[in-house]
N, C-alpha and C. Protein backbone atom coordinates (compact mmCIF):
# COMPACT_ATOMS: atom_id res chain seq x y z
N UNK A 1 39.70 -50.35 -123.18
CA UNK A 1 40.51 -49.27 -122.69
C UNK A 1 39.85 -47.95 -123.08
N UNK A 2 39.38 -47.22 -122.06
CA UNK A 2 38.70 -45.95 -122.30
C UNK A 2 39.68 -44.80 -122.41
N UNK A 3 39.39 -43.89 -123.30
CA UNK A 3 40.21 -42.70 -123.50
C UNK A 3 39.47 -41.49 -122.93
N UNK A 4 40.19 -40.68 -122.17
CA UNK A 4 39.65 -39.45 -121.61
C UNK A 4 40.40 -38.28 -122.26
N UNK A 5 39.81 -37.66 -123.30
CA UNK A 5 40.50 -36.59 -124.03
C UNK A 5 40.87 -35.39 -123.16
N UNK A 6 40.15 -35.16 -122.08
CA UNK A 6 40.43 -34.01 -121.22
C UNK A 6 41.59 -34.28 -120.26
N UNK A 7 41.99 -35.54 -120.13
CA UNK A 7 43.04 -35.90 -119.17
C UNK A 7 44.36 -35.20 -119.47
N UNK A 8 44.77 -35.18 -120.72
CA UNK A 8 46.03 -34.53 -121.09
C UNK A 8 46.00 -33.06 -120.69
N UNK A 9 44.87 -32.38 -120.93
CA UNK A 9 44.78 -30.97 -120.56
C UNK A 9 44.85 -30.76 -119.06
N UNK A 10 44.31 -31.70 -118.31
CA UNK A 10 44.39 -31.61 -116.85
C UNK A 10 45.85 -31.66 -116.40
N UNK A 11 46.63 -32.52 -117.04
CA UNK A 11 48.06 -32.60 -116.73
C UNK A 11 48.77 -31.32 -117.13
N UNK A 12 48.52 -30.86 -118.37
CA UNK A 12 49.17 -29.66 -118.88
C UNK A 12 48.83 -28.42 -118.07
N UNK A 13 47.64 -28.38 -117.48
CA UNK A 13 47.20 -27.24 -116.68
C UNK A 13 47.69 -27.30 -115.24
N UNK A 14 48.31 -28.42 -114.85
CA UNK A 14 48.80 -28.58 -113.48
C UNK A 14 50.24 -28.09 -113.37
N UNK A 15 50.57 -27.38 -112.28
CA UNK A 15 51.96 -26.96 -112.10
C UNK A 15 52.88 -28.18 -112.12
N UNK A 16 53.88 -28.14 -113.00
CA UNK A 16 54.79 -29.26 -113.15
C UNK A 16 54.46 -30.15 -114.34
N UNK A 17 53.26 -30.03 -114.87
CA UNK A 17 52.86 -30.89 -115.98
C UNK A 17 52.94 -30.22 -117.34
N UNK A 18 53.26 -28.94 -117.35
CA UNK A 18 53.21 -28.15 -118.59
C UNK A 18 54.13 -28.67 -119.69
N UNK A 19 55.29 -29.19 -119.32
CA UNK A 19 56.26 -29.57 -120.35
C UNK A 19 55.92 -30.88 -121.06
N UNK A 20 54.91 -31.58 -120.60
CA UNK A 20 54.49 -32.81 -121.30
C UNK A 20 54.19 -32.51 -122.77
N UNK A 21 53.72 -31.31 -123.06
CA UNK A 21 53.36 -30.95 -124.44
C UNK A 21 54.54 -31.04 -125.39
N UNK A 22 55.77 -30.95 -124.88
CA UNK A 22 56.95 -30.96 -125.75
C UNK A 22 57.47 -32.36 -126.06
N UNK A 23 56.94 -33.36 -125.40
CA UNK A 23 57.43 -34.73 -125.60
C UNK A 23 57.07 -35.24 -126.99
N UNK A 24 58.08 -35.67 -127.75
CA UNK A 24 57.79 -36.25 -129.06
C UNK A 24 58.18 -37.73 -129.12
N UNK A 25 58.26 -38.36 -127.95
CA UNK A 25 58.43 -39.81 -127.85
C UNK A 25 59.75 -40.33 -128.41
N UNK A 26 60.85 -39.62 -128.18
CA UNK A 26 62.15 -40.05 -128.70
C UNK A 26 62.73 -41.22 -127.92
N UNK A 27 62.35 -41.36 -126.64
CA UNK A 27 62.83 -42.47 -125.82
C UNK A 27 64.08 -42.17 -125.02
N UNK A 28 64.58 -40.95 -125.09
CA UNK A 28 65.78 -40.59 -124.33
C UNK A 28 65.54 -40.75 -122.83
N UNK A 29 64.34 -40.45 -122.37
CA UNK A 29 64.02 -40.58 -120.94
C UNK A 29 64.17 -42.03 -120.49
N UNK A 30 63.64 -42.95 -121.27
CA UNK A 30 63.73 -44.36 -120.92
C UNK A 30 65.18 -44.83 -120.96
N UNK A 31 65.92 -44.41 -121.99
CA UNK A 31 67.33 -44.81 -122.12
C UNK A 31 68.19 -44.25 -120.99
N UNK A 32 67.78 -43.14 -120.39
CA UNK A 32 68.53 -42.49 -119.32
C UNK A 32 68.16 -42.99 -117.93
N UNK A 33 67.12 -43.78 -117.82
CA UNK A 33 66.54 -44.12 -116.52
C UNK A 33 67.27 -45.28 -115.83
N UNK A 34 67.80 -45.04 -114.61
CA UNK A 34 68.43 -46.13 -113.88
C UNK A 34 67.44 -47.16 -113.33
N UNK A 35 66.19 -46.76 -113.16
CA UNK A 35 65.18 -47.67 -112.61
C UNK A 35 64.90 -48.82 -113.58
N UNK A 36 64.99 -48.54 -114.87
CA UNK A 36 64.69 -49.58 -115.86
C UNK A 36 65.66 -50.75 -115.73
N UNK A 37 66.88 -50.50 -115.23
CA UNK A 37 67.84 -51.58 -115.05
C UNK A 37 67.34 -52.58 -114.00
N UNK A 38 66.59 -52.09 -113.03
CA UNK A 38 66.04 -52.97 -111.99
C UNK A 38 64.66 -53.49 -112.34
N UNK A 39 63.85 -52.65 -112.97
CA UNK A 39 62.45 -53.02 -113.24
C UNK A 39 62.26 -53.67 -114.61
N UNK A 40 63.20 -53.49 -115.50
CA UNK A 40 63.08 -54.08 -116.83
C UNK A 40 61.96 -53.45 -117.63
N UNK A 41 61.37 -54.26 -118.50
CA UNK A 41 60.33 -53.78 -119.40
C UNK A 41 59.06 -53.31 -118.69
N UNK A 42 58.95 -53.60 -117.40
CA UNK A 42 57.76 -53.16 -116.66
C UNK A 42 57.73 -51.64 -116.54
N UNK A 43 58.90 -51.00 -116.58
CA UNK A 43 58.97 -49.55 -116.38
C UNK A 43 59.60 -48.90 -117.60
N UNK A 44 58.78 -48.35 -118.45
CA UNK A 44 59.24 -47.63 -119.63
C UNK A 44 58.65 -46.23 -119.56
N UNK A 45 59.50 -45.26 -119.24
CA UNK A 45 59.06 -43.89 -119.01
C UNK A 45 58.31 -43.35 -120.23
N UNK A 46 58.86 -43.57 -121.41
CA UNK A 46 58.23 -43.08 -122.63
C UNK A 46 56.79 -43.58 -122.74
N UNK A 47 56.56 -44.83 -122.35
CA UNK A 47 55.21 -45.41 -122.42
C UNK A 47 54.26 -44.67 -121.47
N UNK A 48 54.73 -44.32 -120.28
CA UNK A 48 53.89 -43.58 -119.33
C UNK A 48 53.51 -42.22 -119.90
N UNK A 49 54.49 -41.53 -120.49
CA UNK A 49 54.21 -40.21 -121.07
C UNK A 49 53.25 -40.33 -122.25
N UNK A 50 53.40 -41.36 -123.05
CA UNK A 50 52.50 -41.56 -124.18
C UNK A 50 51.07 -41.83 -123.69
N UNK A 51 50.93 -42.66 -122.66
CA UNK A 51 49.61 -42.94 -122.10
C UNK A 51 48.95 -41.64 -121.62
N UNK A 52 49.76 -40.77 -121.00
CA UNK A 52 49.23 -39.49 -120.51
C UNK A 52 48.74 -38.64 -121.67
N UNK A 53 49.53 -38.57 -122.73
CA UNK A 53 49.16 -37.75 -123.89
C UNK A 53 47.95 -38.31 -124.63
N UNK A 54 47.79 -39.63 -124.59
CA UNK A 54 46.66 -40.26 -125.28
C UNK A 54 45.37 -40.23 -124.47
N UNK A 55 45.47 -39.87 -123.18
CA UNK A 55 44.28 -39.80 -122.35
C UNK A 55 43.88 -41.14 -121.74
N UNK A 56 44.83 -42.04 -121.57
CA UNK A 56 44.54 -43.35 -120.98
C UNK A 56 44.60 -43.23 -119.45
N UNK A 57 43.72 -42.41 -118.93
CA UNK A 57 43.72 -42.00 -117.53
C UNK A 57 43.66 -43.18 -116.57
N UNK A 58 42.64 -44.00 -116.65
CA UNK A 58 42.46 -45.06 -115.66
C UNK A 58 43.60 -46.07 -115.72
N UNK A 59 44.00 -46.48 -116.91
CA UNK A 59 45.09 -47.44 -117.05
C UNK A 59 46.38 -46.88 -116.46
N UNK A 60 46.65 -45.62 -116.71
CA UNK A 60 47.88 -45.00 -116.23
C UNK A 60 47.85 -44.78 -114.72
N UNK A 61 46.78 -44.18 -114.22
CA UNK A 61 46.72 -43.85 -112.79
C UNK A 61 46.64 -45.08 -111.90
N UNK A 62 46.11 -46.17 -112.42
CA UNK A 62 46.01 -47.39 -111.61
C UNK A 62 47.26 -48.26 -111.69
N UNK A 63 48.22 -47.87 -112.49
CA UNK A 63 49.43 -48.66 -112.67
C UNK A 63 50.44 -48.40 -111.57
N UNK A 64 50.90 -49.44 -110.94
CA UNK A 64 51.88 -49.30 -109.87
C UNK A 64 53.22 -48.78 -110.38
N UNK A 65 53.55 -49.03 -111.64
CA UNK A 65 54.83 -48.57 -112.18
C UNK A 65 54.93 -47.05 -112.21
N UNK A 66 53.83 -46.38 -112.15
CA UNK A 66 53.83 -44.92 -112.09
C UNK A 66 54.62 -44.41 -110.89
N UNK A 67 54.73 -45.24 -109.86
CA UNK A 67 55.38 -44.85 -108.62
C UNK A 67 56.86 -45.24 -108.58
N UNK A 68 57.40 -45.82 -109.64
CA UNK A 68 58.78 -46.31 -109.64
C UNK A 68 59.84 -45.22 -109.78
N UNK A 69 59.51 -44.08 -110.31
CA UNK A 69 60.49 -43.02 -110.59
C UNK A 69 61.31 -42.69 -109.34
N UNK A 70 62.64 -42.68 -109.51
CA UNK A 70 63.55 -42.37 -108.40
C UNK A 70 63.83 -40.87 -108.30
N UNK A 71 63.26 -40.06 -109.17
CA UNK A 71 63.42 -38.61 -109.20
C UNK A 71 64.91 -38.23 -109.23
N UNK A 72 65.67 -38.93 -110.10
CA UNK A 72 67.10 -38.64 -110.24
C UNK A 72 67.35 -37.51 -111.23
N UNK A 73 66.36 -37.19 -112.05
CA UNK A 73 66.40 -36.12 -113.06
C UNK A 73 67.34 -36.40 -114.23
N UNK A 74 67.86 -37.63 -114.34
CA UNK A 74 68.72 -37.99 -115.46
C UNK A 74 68.00 -37.83 -116.79
N UNK A 75 66.73 -38.17 -116.82
CA UNK A 75 65.93 -38.02 -118.03
C UNK A 75 65.81 -36.56 -118.44
N UNK A 76 65.64 -35.70 -117.46
CA UNK A 76 65.48 -34.27 -117.74
C UNK A 76 66.79 -33.65 -118.25
N UNK A 77 67.90 -34.13 -117.71
CA UNK A 77 69.20 -33.61 -118.14
C UNK A 77 69.47 -33.95 -119.60
N UNK A 78 68.89 -35.05 -120.08
CA UNK A 78 69.18 -35.51 -121.43
C UNK A 78 68.05 -35.25 -122.43
N UNK A 79 66.88 -34.88 -121.97
CA UNK A 79 65.74 -34.70 -122.86
C UNK A 79 66.01 -33.57 -123.86
N UNK A 80 65.95 -33.87 -125.16
CA UNK A 80 66.21 -32.82 -126.15
C UNK A 80 65.11 -31.77 -126.22
N UNK A 81 63.96 -32.05 -125.64
CA UNK A 81 62.83 -31.11 -125.70
C UNK A 81 62.61 -30.37 -124.38
N UNK A 82 63.40 -30.70 -123.35
CA UNK A 82 63.25 -30.02 -122.06
C UNK A 82 62.03 -30.47 -121.28
N UNK A 83 61.56 -31.69 -121.52
CA UNK A 83 60.42 -32.20 -120.74
C UNK A 83 60.90 -32.47 -119.32
N UNK A 84 60.21 -31.91 -118.36
CA UNK A 84 60.54 -32.13 -116.94
C UNK A 84 59.81 -33.38 -116.47
N UNK A 85 60.38 -34.53 -116.84
CA UNK A 85 59.73 -35.82 -116.67
C UNK A 85 59.38 -36.10 -115.21
N UNK A 86 60.30 -35.85 -114.29
CA UNK A 86 60.04 -36.13 -112.87
C UNK A 86 58.85 -35.31 -112.37
N UNK A 87 58.76 -34.06 -112.84
CA UNK A 87 57.63 -33.23 -112.42
C UNK A 87 56.32 -33.74 -113.02
N UNK A 88 56.36 -34.14 -114.28
CA UNK A 88 55.16 -34.67 -114.93
C UNK A 88 54.71 -35.94 -114.20
N UNK A 89 55.66 -36.82 -113.88
CA UNK A 89 55.31 -38.03 -113.14
C UNK A 89 54.78 -37.70 -111.75
N UNK A 90 55.31 -36.64 -111.15
CA UNK A 90 54.79 -36.19 -109.85
C UNK A 90 53.34 -35.75 -109.95
N UNK A 91 53.02 -35.03 -111.02
CA UNK A 91 51.63 -34.62 -111.26
C UNK A 91 50.75 -35.86 -111.41
N UNK A 92 51.24 -36.83 -112.17
CA UNK A 92 50.46 -38.06 -112.38
C UNK A 92 50.27 -38.83 -111.08
N UNK A 93 51.29 -38.89 -110.25
CA UNK A 93 51.15 -39.58 -108.95
C UNK A 93 50.16 -38.85 -108.05
N UNK A 94 50.19 -37.52 -108.09
CA UNK A 94 49.21 -36.76 -107.30
C UNK A 94 47.79 -37.03 -107.78
N UNK A 95 47.60 -37.07 -109.10
CA UNK A 95 46.27 -37.38 -109.65
C UNK A 95 45.86 -38.80 -109.27
N UNK A 96 46.81 -39.73 -109.31
CA UNK A 96 46.51 -41.11 -108.92
C UNK A 96 46.07 -41.18 -107.46
N UNK A 97 46.78 -40.46 -106.60
CA UNK A 97 46.41 -40.45 -105.18
C UNK A 97 45.03 -39.86 -104.97
N UNK A 98 44.72 -38.78 -105.71
CA UNK A 98 43.38 -38.18 -105.61
C UNK A 98 42.29 -39.17 -106.01
N UNK A 99 42.62 -40.06 -106.96
CA UNK A 99 41.65 -41.07 -107.43
C UNK A 99 41.65 -42.31 -106.54
N UNK A 100 42.54 -42.35 -105.53
CA UNK A 100 42.59 -43.49 -104.62
C UNK A 100 43.54 -44.60 -105.05
N UNK A 101 44.39 -44.35 -106.04
CA UNK A 101 45.34 -45.35 -106.49
C UNK A 101 46.71 -45.09 -105.86
N UNK A 102 46.96 -45.72 -104.73
CA UNK A 102 48.26 -45.62 -104.07
C UNK A 102 48.69 -47.04 -103.75
N UNK A 103 49.92 -47.42 -104.11
CA UNK A 103 50.38 -48.79 -103.82
C UNK A 103 50.31 -49.12 -102.34
N UNK A 104 50.06 -50.38 -102.07
CA UNK A 104 49.90 -50.87 -100.71
C UNK A 104 51.09 -50.50 -99.82
N UNK A 105 52.31 -50.65 -100.33
CA UNK A 105 53.49 -50.35 -99.54
C UNK A 105 53.57 -48.88 -99.13
N UNK A 106 53.18 -47.98 -100.03
CA UNK A 106 53.18 -46.56 -99.70
C UNK A 106 52.09 -46.22 -98.70
N UNK A 107 50.96 -46.93 -98.79
CA UNK A 107 49.90 -46.72 -97.80
C UNK A 107 50.38 -47.14 -96.41
N UNK A 108 51.16 -48.23 -96.34
CA UNK A 108 51.70 -48.68 -95.05
C UNK A 108 52.65 -47.63 -94.48
N UNK A 109 53.48 -47.03 -95.33
CA UNK A 109 54.36 -45.96 -94.87
C UNK A 109 53.54 -44.77 -94.37
N UNK A 110 52.49 -44.43 -95.11
CA UNK A 110 51.62 -43.31 -94.70
C UNK A 110 50.98 -43.60 -93.35
N UNK A 111 50.52 -44.84 -93.15
CA UNK A 111 49.92 -45.19 -91.86
C UNK A 111 50.93 -45.04 -90.73
N UNK A 112 52.17 -45.47 -90.96
CA UNK A 112 53.19 -45.32 -89.93
C UNK A 112 53.47 -43.85 -89.63
N UNK A 113 53.55 -43.03 -90.67
CA UNK A 113 53.81 -41.61 -90.47
C UNK A 113 52.68 -40.97 -89.65
N UNK A 114 51.44 -41.30 -89.99
CA UNK A 114 50.29 -40.75 -89.26
C UNK A 114 50.31 -41.24 -87.81
N UNK A 115 50.69 -42.50 -87.61
CA UNK A 115 50.68 -43.10 -86.28
C UNK A 115 51.80 -42.57 -85.38
N UNK A 116 53.04 -42.53 -85.90
CA UNK A 116 54.16 -42.20 -85.02
C UNK A 116 55.07 -41.10 -85.54
N UNK A 117 54.77 -40.55 -86.73
CA UNK A 117 55.59 -39.48 -87.27
C UNK A 117 56.82 -39.96 -88.01
N UNK A 118 57.01 -41.25 -88.11
CA UNK A 118 58.16 -41.84 -88.80
C UNK A 118 57.66 -42.86 -89.82
N UNK A 119 58.45 -43.08 -90.87
CA UNK A 119 58.02 -44.07 -91.86
C UNK A 119 58.07 -45.49 -91.30
N UNK A 120 58.93 -45.69 -90.30
CA UNK A 120 59.00 -46.98 -89.62
C UNK A 120 59.05 -46.72 -88.12
N UNK A 121 58.16 -47.37 -87.41
CA UNK A 121 58.13 -47.20 -85.96
C UNK A 121 59.35 -47.90 -85.35
N UNK A 122 60.03 -47.22 -84.45
CA UNK A 122 61.21 -47.79 -83.80
C UNK A 122 60.78 -48.72 -82.67
N UNK A 123 61.35 -49.93 -82.66
CA UNK A 123 61.05 -50.88 -81.59
C UNK A 123 61.99 -50.60 -80.41
N UNK A 124 61.66 -51.19 -79.27
CA UNK A 124 62.52 -51.04 -78.09
C UNK A 124 63.90 -51.63 -78.37
N UNK A 125 63.95 -52.74 -79.11
CA UNK A 125 65.23 -53.37 -79.46
C UNK A 125 66.10 -52.42 -80.30
N UNK A 126 65.48 -51.75 -81.25
CA UNK A 126 66.23 -50.81 -82.09
C UNK A 126 66.78 -49.66 -81.25
N UNK A 127 65.97 -49.17 -80.33
CA UNK A 127 66.43 -48.10 -79.44
C UNK A 127 67.60 -48.59 -78.59
N UNK A 128 67.50 -49.84 -78.09
CA UNK A 128 68.57 -50.41 -77.27
C UNK A 128 69.86 -50.52 -78.09
N UNK A 129 69.77 -51.01 -79.31
CA UNK A 129 70.95 -51.15 -80.15
C UNK A 129 71.55 -49.81 -80.51
N UNK A 130 70.73 -48.80 -80.69
CA UNK A 130 71.27 -47.46 -80.94
C UNK A 130 72.12 -47.02 -79.74
N UNK A 131 71.62 -47.28 -78.55
CA UNK A 131 72.35 -46.92 -77.34
C UNK A 131 73.65 -47.71 -77.23
N UNK A 132 73.59 -49.03 -77.49
CA UNK A 132 74.78 -49.89 -77.43
C UNK A 132 75.85 -49.41 -78.42
N UNK A 133 75.43 -48.96 -79.60
CA UNK A 133 76.37 -48.51 -80.62
C UNK A 133 76.81 -47.06 -80.42
N UNK A 134 76.32 -46.44 -79.37
CA UNK A 134 76.71 -45.07 -79.08
C UNK A 134 75.99 -44.03 -79.91
N UNK A 135 74.88 -44.42 -80.52
CA UNK A 135 74.10 -43.49 -81.32
C UNK A 135 73.08 -42.78 -80.43
N UNK A 136 72.78 -41.53 -80.73
CA UNK A 136 71.79 -40.82 -79.93
C UNK A 136 70.39 -41.39 -80.17
N UNK A 137 69.53 -41.20 -79.20
CA UNK A 137 68.13 -41.59 -79.36
C UNK A 137 67.51 -40.73 -80.45
N UNK A 138 66.58 -41.32 -81.19
CA UNK A 138 65.87 -40.54 -82.20
C UNK A 138 64.81 -39.70 -81.51
N UNK A 139 64.69 -38.47 -81.94
CA UNK A 139 63.67 -37.61 -81.35
C UNK A 139 62.29 -38.10 -81.77
N UNK A 140 61.36 -37.96 -80.90
CA UNK A 140 59.99 -38.37 -81.17
C UNK A 140 59.21 -37.17 -81.69
N UNK A 141 58.61 -37.30 -82.88
CA UNK A 141 57.81 -36.19 -83.41
C UNK A 141 56.59 -35.92 -82.52
N UNK A 142 56.15 -34.68 -82.54
CA UNK A 142 54.97 -34.28 -81.78
C UNK A 142 53.73 -34.87 -82.48
N UNK A 143 53.02 -35.79 -81.82
CA UNK A 143 51.88 -36.45 -82.46
C UNK A 143 50.77 -35.49 -82.91
N UNK A 144 50.54 -34.41 -82.16
CA UNK A 144 49.52 -33.45 -82.57
C UNK A 144 49.91 -32.73 -83.84
N UNK A 145 51.19 -32.34 -83.93
CA UNK A 145 51.67 -31.68 -85.14
C UNK A 145 51.61 -32.62 -86.34
N UNK A 146 52.04 -33.87 -86.14
CA UNK A 146 52.00 -34.86 -87.22
C UNK A 146 50.56 -35.06 -87.68
N UNK A 147 49.65 -35.20 -86.72
CA UNK A 147 48.24 -35.39 -87.04
C UNK A 147 47.66 -34.22 -87.83
N UNK A 148 48.01 -33.01 -87.41
CA UNK A 148 47.52 -31.82 -88.11
C UNK A 148 48.06 -31.75 -89.54
N UNK A 149 49.35 -32.02 -89.70
CA UNK A 149 49.96 -32.00 -91.03
C UNK A 149 49.34 -33.10 -91.90
N UNK A 150 49.14 -34.28 -91.32
CA UNK A 150 48.55 -35.39 -92.07
C UNK A 150 47.13 -35.05 -92.52
N UNK A 151 46.37 -34.38 -91.69
CA UNK A 151 45.01 -33.98 -92.07
C UNK A 151 45.03 -32.92 -93.16
N UNK A 152 45.89 -31.91 -92.99
CA UNK A 152 45.93 -30.80 -93.94
C UNK A 152 46.45 -31.20 -95.32
N UNK A 153 47.35 -32.18 -95.35
CA UNK A 153 47.92 -32.61 -96.62
C UNK A 153 47.16 -33.75 -97.28
N UNK A 154 46.22 -34.35 -96.55
CA UNK A 154 45.48 -35.47 -97.11
C UNK A 154 46.16 -36.81 -96.85
N UNK A 155 47.29 -36.80 -96.16
CA UNK A 155 48.00 -38.05 -95.88
C UNK A 155 47.15 -38.98 -95.00
N UNK A 156 46.43 -38.42 -94.06
CA UNK A 156 45.59 -39.24 -93.18
C UNK A 156 44.52 -39.99 -93.99
N UNK A 157 43.94 -39.29 -94.96
CA UNK A 157 42.93 -39.91 -95.82
C UNK A 157 43.54 -41.02 -96.67
N UNK A 158 44.70 -40.74 -97.26
CA UNK A 158 45.39 -41.73 -98.08
C UNK A 158 45.73 -42.97 -97.26
N UNK A 159 46.19 -42.76 -96.04
CA UNK A 159 46.58 -43.88 -95.18
C UNK A 159 45.37 -44.73 -94.79
N UNK A 160 44.21 -44.10 -94.70
CA UNK A 160 43.03 -44.80 -94.20
C UNK A 160 42.19 -45.49 -95.27
N UNK A 161 42.21 -44.98 -96.50
CA UNK A 161 41.28 -45.51 -97.49
C UNK A 161 41.86 -46.66 -98.31
N UNK A 162 40.96 -47.38 -98.97
CA UNK A 162 41.35 -48.48 -99.86
C UNK A 162 41.71 -47.97 -101.21
N UNK A 163 41.72 -48.89 -102.20
CA UNK A 163 41.98 -48.52 -103.58
C UNK A 163 43.42 -48.61 -103.97
N UNK A 164 44.13 -49.69 -103.51
CA UNK A 164 45.52 -49.85 -103.87
C UNK A 164 45.67 -49.95 -105.38
N UNK A 165 46.85 -49.61 -105.84
CA UNK A 165 47.14 -49.68 -107.28
C UNK A 165 47.23 -51.13 -107.72
N UNK A 166 46.87 -51.36 -108.96
CA UNK A 166 46.99 -52.69 -109.56
C UNK A 166 48.43 -52.95 -109.91
N UNK A 167 48.81 -54.23 -109.94
CA UNK A 167 50.11 -54.61 -110.46
C UNK A 167 50.03 -54.54 -111.97
N UNK A 168 50.69 -53.58 -112.58
CA UNK A 168 50.63 -53.44 -114.04
C UNK A 168 52.01 -53.52 -114.62
């Protein structure tokens, strides 16, 4: 397990990552997290923050559990040090994406968004059932606008490249 001493500073220097410096590993974030009830010991927020502070860059960024956060902010409401955990995890997910570590399922969603502007492409059957139930048709996004946004944000690159996250 390689340590990257500069990794912590990269997080601290990123907008949203500054409050990581205040974390003293009390565990309130983990105790407050609703995701842990579903994910169990696989998702321990305190462990992710500790890995970030220790500079365990590759192990952390390649871990699929990094993407589990529901961004409910319960951890932030209870943190005695004011660590903005959801923002720190957002910084870490952005760094992971830059390194090519995006879970397979999220890449599939990205491909759908680039292709049709929606996270899930609507089938003819779904459109028919919407009509039968009296629901309006879903508007179709402008493919040129979606393509431009996907290119400018890097979503097109993420959807196209390999490097899925490991199951950790």
